[in-house]
N, C-alpha and C. Protein backbone atom coordinates (compact mmCIF):
# COMPACT_ATOMS: atom_id res chain seq x y z
N MET A 1 103.87 36.78 194.60
CA MET A 1 103.69 37.24 195.96
C MET A 1 104.98 37.82 196.53
N ARG A 2 105.85 38.10 195.69
CA ARG A 2 107.12 38.65 196.13
C ARG A 2 106.98 40.07 196.65
N GLY A 3 106.08 40.88 196.11
CA GLY A 3 105.88 42.27 196.49
C GLY A 3 105.51 42.43 197.96
N PRO A 4 104.47 41.75 198.47
CA PRO A 4 104.11 41.93 199.88
C PRO A 4 105.19 41.43 200.82
N PHE A 5 105.90 40.34 200.45
CA PHE A 5 106.98 39.84 201.29
C PHE A 5 108.10 40.87 201.41
N ALA A 6 108.47 41.47 200.31
CA ALA A 6 109.53 42.49 200.31
C ALA A 6 109.11 43.69 201.14
N LEU A 7 107.84 44.04 201.08
CA LEU A 7 107.34 45.17 201.87
C LEU A 7 107.41 44.87 203.35
N VAL A 8 107.10 43.65 203.77
CA VAL A 8 107.17 43.25 205.18
C VAL A 8 108.61 43.29 205.66
N VAL A 9 109.52 42.77 204.87
CA VAL A 9 110.94 42.77 205.24
C VAL A 9 111.45 44.20 205.36
N ALA A 10 111.07 45.04 204.43
CA ALA A 10 111.50 46.44 204.47
C ALA A 10 110.97 47.13 205.71
N LEU A 11 109.74 46.88 206.07
CA LEU A 11 109.16 47.50 207.27
C LEU A 11 109.85 46.99 208.54
N GLN A 12 110.21 45.70 208.56
CA GLN A 12 110.90 45.16 209.73
C GLN A 12 112.30 45.78 209.85
N LEU A 13 112.99 45.91 208.74
CA LEU A 13 114.31 46.55 208.78
C LEU A 13 114.20 48.00 209.24
N LEU A 14 113.21 48.67 208.73
CA LEU A 14 113.00 50.07 209.10
C LEU A 14 112.67 50.19 210.58
N ALA A 15 111.88 49.29 211.10
CA ALA A 15 111.52 49.31 212.52
C ALA A 15 112.74 49.06 213.39
N GLY A 16 113.67 48.23 212.91
CA GLY A 16 114.88 47.96 213.67
C GLY A 16 115.83 49.14 213.73
N CYS A 17 115.69 50.11 212.84
CA CYS A 17 116.59 51.27 212.79
C CYS A 17 116.12 52.42 213.66
N THR A 18 114.92 52.33 214.20
CA THR A 18 114.42 53.44 214.99
C THR A 18 115.02 53.43 216.37
N GLY A 19 115.13 54.59 216.97
CA GLY A 19 115.66 54.72 218.32
C GLY A 19 114.58 54.50 219.34
N GLU A 20 114.91 54.70 220.60
CA GLU A 20 113.96 54.48 221.68
C GLU A 20 112.77 55.41 221.59
N ASP A 21 112.95 56.59 221.02
CA ASP A 21 111.86 57.55 220.94
C ASP A 21 111.01 57.37 219.69
N GLY A 22 111.28 56.30 218.91
CA GLY A 22 110.51 56.05 217.71
C GLY A 22 111.04 56.77 216.49
N GLY A 23 112.06 57.56 216.65
CA GLY A 23 112.64 58.30 215.52
C GLY A 23 113.67 57.45 214.81
N PHE A 24 114.30 57.98 213.85
CA PHE A 24 115.30 57.26 213.06
C PHE A 24 116.70 57.57 213.55
N GLY A 25 116.97 57.31 214.79
CA GLY A 25 118.28 57.56 215.36
C GLY A 25 118.35 58.96 215.99
N SER A 26 119.44 59.22 216.64
CA SER A 26 119.61 60.51 217.32
C SER A 26 120.14 61.54 216.34
N PRO A 27 119.74 62.79 216.54
CA PRO A 27 120.31 63.82 215.67
C PRO A 27 121.80 63.98 215.99
N PRO A 28 122.56 64.42 215.04
CA PRO A 28 123.99 64.59 215.30
C PRO A 28 124.22 65.64 216.38
N ALA A 29 125.27 65.41 217.15
CA ALA A 29 125.62 66.37 218.21
C ALA A 29 126.03 67.69 217.55
N PRO A 30 125.68 68.81 218.19
CA PRO A 30 126.07 70.10 217.60
C PRO A 30 127.59 70.20 217.54
N ALA A 31 128.07 70.77 216.48
CA ALA A 31 129.51 70.93 216.31
C ALA A 31 130.03 71.95 217.31
N GLU A 32 131.22 71.68 217.83
CA GLU A 32 131.83 72.63 218.75
C GLU A 32 132.27 73.86 217.97
N SER A 33 132.12 75.04 218.60
CA SER A 33 132.56 76.24 217.91
C SER A 33 134.08 76.25 217.86
N PRO A 34 134.63 76.64 216.73
CA PRO A 34 136.09 76.62 216.60
C PRO A 34 136.74 77.64 217.51
N SER A 35 137.97 77.36 217.88
CA SER A 35 138.69 78.33 218.70
C SER A 35 139.05 79.52 217.83
N PRO A 36 139.25 80.70 218.44
CA PRO A 36 139.52 81.90 217.66
C PRO A 36 140.77 81.73 216.80
N GLY A 37 140.68 82.23 215.59
CA GLY A 37 141.82 82.21 214.68
C GLY A 37 142.82 83.28 215.07
N PRO A 38 143.92 83.35 214.38
CA PRO A 38 144.98 84.29 214.76
C PRO A 38 144.57 85.76 214.64
N LEU A 39 143.55 86.09 213.83
CA LEU A 39 143.16 87.49 213.67
C LEU A 39 141.94 87.84 214.50
N GLU A 40 141.39 86.88 215.23
CA GLU A 40 140.22 87.15 216.04
C GLU A 40 140.63 87.46 217.48
N THR A 41 139.83 88.27 218.15
CA THR A 41 140.06 88.57 219.55
C THR A 41 139.39 87.49 220.39
N PRO A 42 140.12 86.86 221.30
CA PRO A 42 139.49 85.86 222.17
C PRO A 42 138.30 86.49 222.89
N PRO A 43 137.24 85.71 223.19
CA PRO A 43 136.02 86.27 223.76
C PRO A 43 136.23 86.96 225.10
N ASP A 44 137.26 86.60 225.85
CA ASP A 44 137.46 87.20 227.16
C ASP A 44 138.38 88.42 227.10
N GLU A 45 138.75 88.85 225.92
CA GLU A 45 139.68 89.96 225.78
C GLU A 45 138.97 91.15 225.14
N ASP A 46 139.13 92.32 225.73
CA ASP A 46 138.53 93.54 225.20
C ASP A 46 139.16 93.83 223.84
N PRO A 47 138.34 94.09 222.81
CA PRO A 47 138.91 94.33 221.49
C PRO A 47 139.68 95.65 221.38
N ILE A 48 139.50 96.54 222.33
CA ILE A 48 140.22 97.82 222.31
C ILE A 48 141.15 97.88 223.52
N GLN A 49 142.43 98.07 223.26
CA GLN A 49 143.38 98.22 224.36
C GLN A 49 143.51 99.71 224.69
N ALA A 50 143.87 100.00 225.92
CA ALA A 50 143.98 101.40 226.37
C ALA A 50 145.42 101.73 226.71
N ALA A 51 145.81 102.94 226.36
CA ALA A 51 147.13 103.48 226.72
C ALA A 51 146.88 104.86 227.31
N ARG A 52 147.07 104.99 228.62
CA ARG A 52 146.76 106.24 229.31
C ARG A 52 148.03 106.92 229.80
N VAL A 53 148.09 108.22 229.57
CA VAL A 53 149.24 109.03 229.97
C VAL A 53 148.70 110.30 230.62
N SER A 54 149.40 110.77 231.64
CA SER A 54 149.02 112.04 232.25
C SER A 54 150.21 113.00 232.24
N THR A 55 149.89 114.27 232.40
CA THR A 55 150.93 115.30 232.51
C THR A 55 150.72 115.98 233.87
N PRO A 56 151.45 115.52 234.88
CA PRO A 56 151.23 116.04 236.24
C PRO A 56 151.90 117.38 236.51
N GLY A 57 152.57 117.93 235.52
CA GLY A 57 153.31 119.18 235.71
C GLY A 57 154.81 118.90 235.73
N GLY A 58 155.59 119.94 235.64
CA GLY A 58 157.04 119.75 235.66
C GLY A 58 157.60 119.23 234.35
N PHE A 59 156.88 119.47 233.23
CA PHE A 59 157.33 119.04 231.90
C PHE A 59 157.68 117.56 231.85
N ARG A 60 156.71 116.73 232.23
CA ARG A 60 156.93 115.28 232.18
C ARG A 60 155.61 114.56 231.95
N PHE A 61 155.73 113.34 231.46
CA PHE A 61 154.60 112.43 231.29
C PHE A 61 154.69 111.34 232.35
N GLU A 62 153.55 110.82 232.75
CA GLU A 62 153.49 109.63 233.61
C GLU A 62 152.53 108.66 232.97
N PRO A 63 152.92 107.46 232.70
CA PRO A 63 154.27 106.91 232.80
C PRO A 63 155.13 107.40 231.63
N VAL A 64 156.41 107.15 231.73
CA VAL A 64 157.32 107.55 230.66
C VAL A 64 157.58 106.40 229.69
N ALA A 65 157.01 105.25 229.97
CA ALA A 65 157.14 104.09 229.08
C ALA A 65 155.78 103.40 228.98
N LEU A 66 155.39 103.06 227.75
CA LEU A 66 154.14 102.36 227.48
C LEU A 66 154.45 101.12 226.66
N ARG A 67 153.57 100.13 226.76
CA ARG A 67 153.68 98.92 225.94
C ARG A 67 152.28 98.59 225.45
N ILE A 68 152.15 98.40 224.12
CA ILE A 68 150.88 98.00 223.53
C ILE A 68 151.15 96.88 222.52
N ARG A 69 150.07 96.25 222.06
CA ARG A 69 150.20 95.18 221.06
C ARG A 69 149.85 95.72 219.68
N ALA A 70 150.63 95.35 218.70
CA ALA A 70 150.34 95.70 217.31
C ALA A 70 149.15 94.87 216.84
N GLY A 71 148.48 95.36 215.81
CA GLY A 71 147.35 94.62 215.25
C GLY A 71 146.06 94.80 216.02
N ARG A 72 146.04 95.73 216.95
CA ARG A 72 144.84 95.96 217.77
C ARG A 72 144.44 97.43 217.69
N THR A 73 143.19 97.70 217.96
CA THR A 73 142.73 99.07 218.08
C THR A 73 143.12 99.56 219.46
N THR A 74 143.67 100.77 219.51
CA THR A 74 144.17 101.32 220.78
C THR A 74 143.53 102.68 221.03
N GLU A 75 143.04 102.85 222.25
CA GLU A 75 142.53 104.15 222.66
C GLU A 75 143.62 104.83 223.50
N PHE A 76 144.18 105.89 222.95
CA PHE A 76 145.16 106.69 223.67
C PHE A 76 144.40 107.76 224.44
N GLU A 77 144.79 107.96 225.70
CA GLU A 77 144.15 108.98 226.52
C GLU A 77 145.21 109.85 227.16
N LEU A 78 145.06 111.16 227.03
CA LEU A 78 145.96 112.12 227.64
C LEU A 78 145.18 112.92 228.67
N SER A 79 145.59 112.81 229.91
CA SER A 79 144.97 113.55 231.01
C SER A 79 145.94 114.65 231.43
N ASN A 80 145.61 115.88 231.09
CA ASN A 80 146.49 117.01 231.38
C ASN A 80 146.13 117.61 232.74
N GLU A 81 146.95 117.33 233.74
CA GLU A 81 146.72 117.83 235.10
C GLU A 81 147.50 119.11 235.35
N ASP A 82 148.18 119.60 234.34
CA ASP A 82 149.02 120.79 234.44
C ASP A 82 148.17 122.05 234.20
N ASP A 83 148.77 123.22 234.45
CA ASP A 83 148.05 124.48 234.25
C ASP A 83 148.33 125.10 232.88
N GLN A 84 148.95 124.36 231.97
CA GLN A 84 149.16 124.82 230.61
C GLN A 84 148.87 123.69 229.63
N GLU A 85 148.65 124.01 228.36
CA GLU A 85 148.32 122.97 227.39
C GLU A 85 149.54 122.15 227.01
N HIS A 86 149.26 120.89 226.62
CA HIS A 86 150.30 119.96 226.21
C HIS A 86 149.76 119.11 225.06
N THR A 87 150.68 118.53 224.30
CA THR A 87 150.30 117.58 223.25
C THR A 87 150.88 116.22 223.59
N PHE A 88 150.35 115.22 222.94
CA PHE A 88 150.86 113.86 223.00
C PHE A 88 150.98 113.41 221.56
N VAL A 89 152.21 113.18 221.10
CA VAL A 89 152.47 112.88 219.69
C VAL A 89 153.30 111.60 219.59
N ILE A 90 152.85 110.70 218.71
CA ILE A 90 153.66 109.54 218.29
C ILE A 90 153.65 109.61 216.76
N SER A 91 154.68 110.19 216.20
CA SER A 91 154.72 110.44 214.76
C SER A 91 154.51 109.18 213.94
N GLU A 92 155.19 108.09 214.27
CA GLU A 92 155.14 106.86 213.48
C GLU A 92 153.77 106.19 213.49
N LEU A 93 152.95 106.47 214.49
CA LEU A 93 151.63 105.86 214.60
C LEU A 93 150.51 106.84 214.26
N ALA A 94 150.88 108.04 213.82
CA ALA A 94 149.91 109.09 213.47
C ALA A 94 148.99 109.45 214.63
N VAL A 95 149.57 109.55 215.83
CA VAL A 95 148.81 109.95 217.01
C VAL A 95 149.22 111.38 217.35
N VAL A 96 148.23 112.29 217.37
CA VAL A 96 148.47 113.69 217.74
C VAL A 96 147.25 114.15 218.54
N MET A 97 147.48 114.52 219.79
CA MET A 97 146.40 115.00 220.64
C MET A 97 146.84 116.27 221.35
N LEU A 98 145.92 117.19 221.54
CA LEU A 98 146.16 118.43 222.27
C LEU A 98 145.17 118.50 223.42
N ALA A 99 145.70 118.73 224.62
CA ALA A 99 144.83 118.86 225.80
C ALA A 99 145.13 120.18 226.48
N GLY A 100 144.11 120.99 226.66
CA GLY A 100 144.26 122.22 227.41
C GLY A 100 144.44 121.92 228.89
N ALA A 101 144.76 122.94 229.65
CA ALA A 101 144.95 122.78 231.10
C ALA A 101 143.71 122.13 231.72
N GLY A 102 143.94 121.04 232.46
CA GLY A 102 142.85 120.35 233.15
C GLY A 102 141.97 119.48 232.26
N GLN A 103 142.27 119.36 230.99
CA GLN A 103 141.45 118.55 230.08
C GLN A 103 141.97 117.12 229.95
N THR A 104 141.04 116.24 229.60
CA THR A 104 141.39 114.87 229.22
C THR A 104 140.85 114.65 227.82
N VAL A 105 141.72 114.18 226.93
CA VAL A 105 141.33 113.92 225.55
C VAL A 105 141.73 112.50 225.19
N SER A 106 141.08 111.96 224.15
CA SER A 106 141.43 110.61 223.71
C SER A 106 141.36 110.52 222.20
N SER A 107 142.04 109.52 221.69
CA SER A 107 142.07 109.25 220.25
C SER A 107 142.18 107.75 220.06
N THR A 108 141.35 107.20 219.17
CA THR A 108 141.37 105.77 218.91
C THR A 108 142.05 105.52 217.57
N VAL A 109 143.03 104.62 217.58
CA VAL A 109 143.86 104.35 216.41
C VAL A 109 143.98 102.85 216.21
N SER A 110 143.89 102.40 214.97
CA SER A 110 144.17 101.00 214.65
C SER A 110 145.66 100.86 214.42
N ILE A 111 146.28 99.98 215.18
CA ILE A 111 147.72 99.78 215.08
C ILE A 111 148.00 98.62 214.12
N ASP A 112 148.60 98.92 213.00
CA ASP A 112 148.93 97.92 211.99
C ASP A 112 149.97 96.95 212.55
N PRO A 113 149.82 95.65 212.30
CA PRO A 113 150.81 94.68 212.79
C PRO A 113 152.23 94.98 212.30
N ALA A 114 152.35 95.66 211.17
CA ALA A 114 153.67 95.99 210.63
C ALA A 114 154.35 97.10 211.43
N ASN A 115 153.61 97.74 212.34
CA ASN A 115 154.17 98.86 213.11
C ASN A 115 154.81 98.43 214.43
N ALA A 116 155.22 97.20 214.53
CA ALA A 116 155.91 96.78 215.75
C ALA A 116 157.25 97.50 215.83
N GLY A 117 157.62 97.87 217.04
CA GLY A 117 158.90 98.55 217.25
C GLY A 117 158.87 99.45 218.47
N ARG A 118 159.90 100.24 218.61
CA ARG A 118 160.04 101.16 219.74
C ARG A 118 160.02 102.58 219.17
N PHE A 119 159.14 103.42 219.74
CA PHE A 119 158.95 104.77 219.23
C PHE A 119 158.94 105.77 220.38
N ALA A 120 159.25 107.01 220.05
CA ALA A 120 159.18 108.09 221.05
C ALA A 120 157.79 108.70 221.03
N PHE A 121 157.30 109.08 222.22
CA PHE A 121 156.15 109.97 222.29
C PHE A 121 156.63 111.23 222.99
N PHE A 122 156.01 112.36 222.65
CA PHE A 122 156.52 113.63 223.16
C PHE A 122 155.47 114.72 223.08
N CYS A 123 155.74 115.83 223.75
CA CYS A 123 154.93 117.03 223.64
C CYS A 123 155.60 117.91 222.59
N SER A 124 154.81 118.32 221.59
CA SER A 124 155.36 119.07 220.46
C SER A 124 155.32 120.58 220.66
N ILE A 125 154.86 121.07 221.79
CA ILE A 125 154.83 122.51 222.05
C ILE A 125 156.27 122.99 222.27
N GLY A 126 156.60 124.10 221.64
CA GLY A 126 157.96 124.63 221.67
C GLY A 126 158.64 124.56 223.03
N GLY A 127 159.78 123.88 223.09
CA GLY A 127 160.59 123.77 224.29
C GLY A 127 160.17 122.69 225.28
N HIS A 128 158.96 122.12 225.14
CA HIS A 128 158.50 121.13 226.12
C HIS A 128 159.28 119.82 226.01
N ARG A 129 159.50 119.35 224.78
CA ARG A 129 160.25 118.10 224.62
C ARG A 129 161.68 118.27 225.12
N ALA A 130 162.29 119.38 224.80
CA ALA A 130 163.66 119.65 225.26
C ALA A 130 163.73 119.74 226.77
N SER A 131 162.60 120.07 227.40
CA SER A 131 162.55 120.16 228.86
C SER A 131 162.25 118.82 229.53
N GLY A 132 162.08 117.77 228.72
CA GLY A 132 161.89 116.43 229.30
C GLY A 132 160.55 115.78 229.02
N MET A 133 159.67 116.43 228.26
CA MET A 133 158.35 115.85 228.00
C MET A 133 158.43 114.86 226.84
N GLU A 134 158.98 113.69 227.13
CA GLU A 134 159.03 112.62 226.15
C GLU A 134 159.08 111.29 226.87
N GLY A 135 158.76 110.27 226.13
CA GLY A 135 158.80 108.90 226.67
C GLY A 135 158.95 107.92 225.53
N THR A 136 158.78 106.64 225.83
CA THR A 136 158.96 105.58 224.86
C THR A 136 157.74 104.67 224.87
N ILE A 137 157.29 104.29 223.67
CA ILE A 137 156.23 103.30 223.55
C ILE A 137 156.79 102.12 222.76
N VAL A 138 156.55 100.92 223.29
CA VAL A 138 156.96 99.70 222.62
C VAL A 138 155.70 99.05 222.07
N VAL A 139 155.69 98.84 220.75
CA VAL A 139 154.57 98.20 220.08
C VAL A 139 155.03 96.78 219.77
N GLY A 140 154.43 95.83 220.47
CA GLY A 140 154.83 94.43 220.32
C GLY A 140 153.98 93.69 219.33
N GLY A 141 154.44 92.52 218.94
CA GLY A 141 153.68 91.67 218.02
C GLY A 141 152.37 91.25 218.63
N GLY A 142 151.35 91.05 217.73
CA GLY A 142 149.98 90.70 218.08
C GLY A 142 149.85 89.74 219.18
């Protein structure tokens, strides 16, 4: 008669393990989502950074200094408010844009983390850079 006794004991033990809802305990709590790793963009941060420059006339850029983060995609925008065409060039970052009079153009570039540093941007049209159409961009660490 050992079989039925063992079955009764097993059922009593099993009954003692159930939760209030009759189930076998509570399901595990959902795992918290991990915080963003070093290469991920935090959820509240736009994955594309913007760098906007205008040419108001007088052979100059506004602003004359820009700061961006390396390791991010950057949308460069050139708004030419002048009555002649201008370029926006950053040789080290392979950025080259041409905007006719009154045009706004843009170019999206992935900035490699290894490209941190200070670089010149300028208008490459003959005589424009020598007349003052240049500035500085600082590419900082991620």
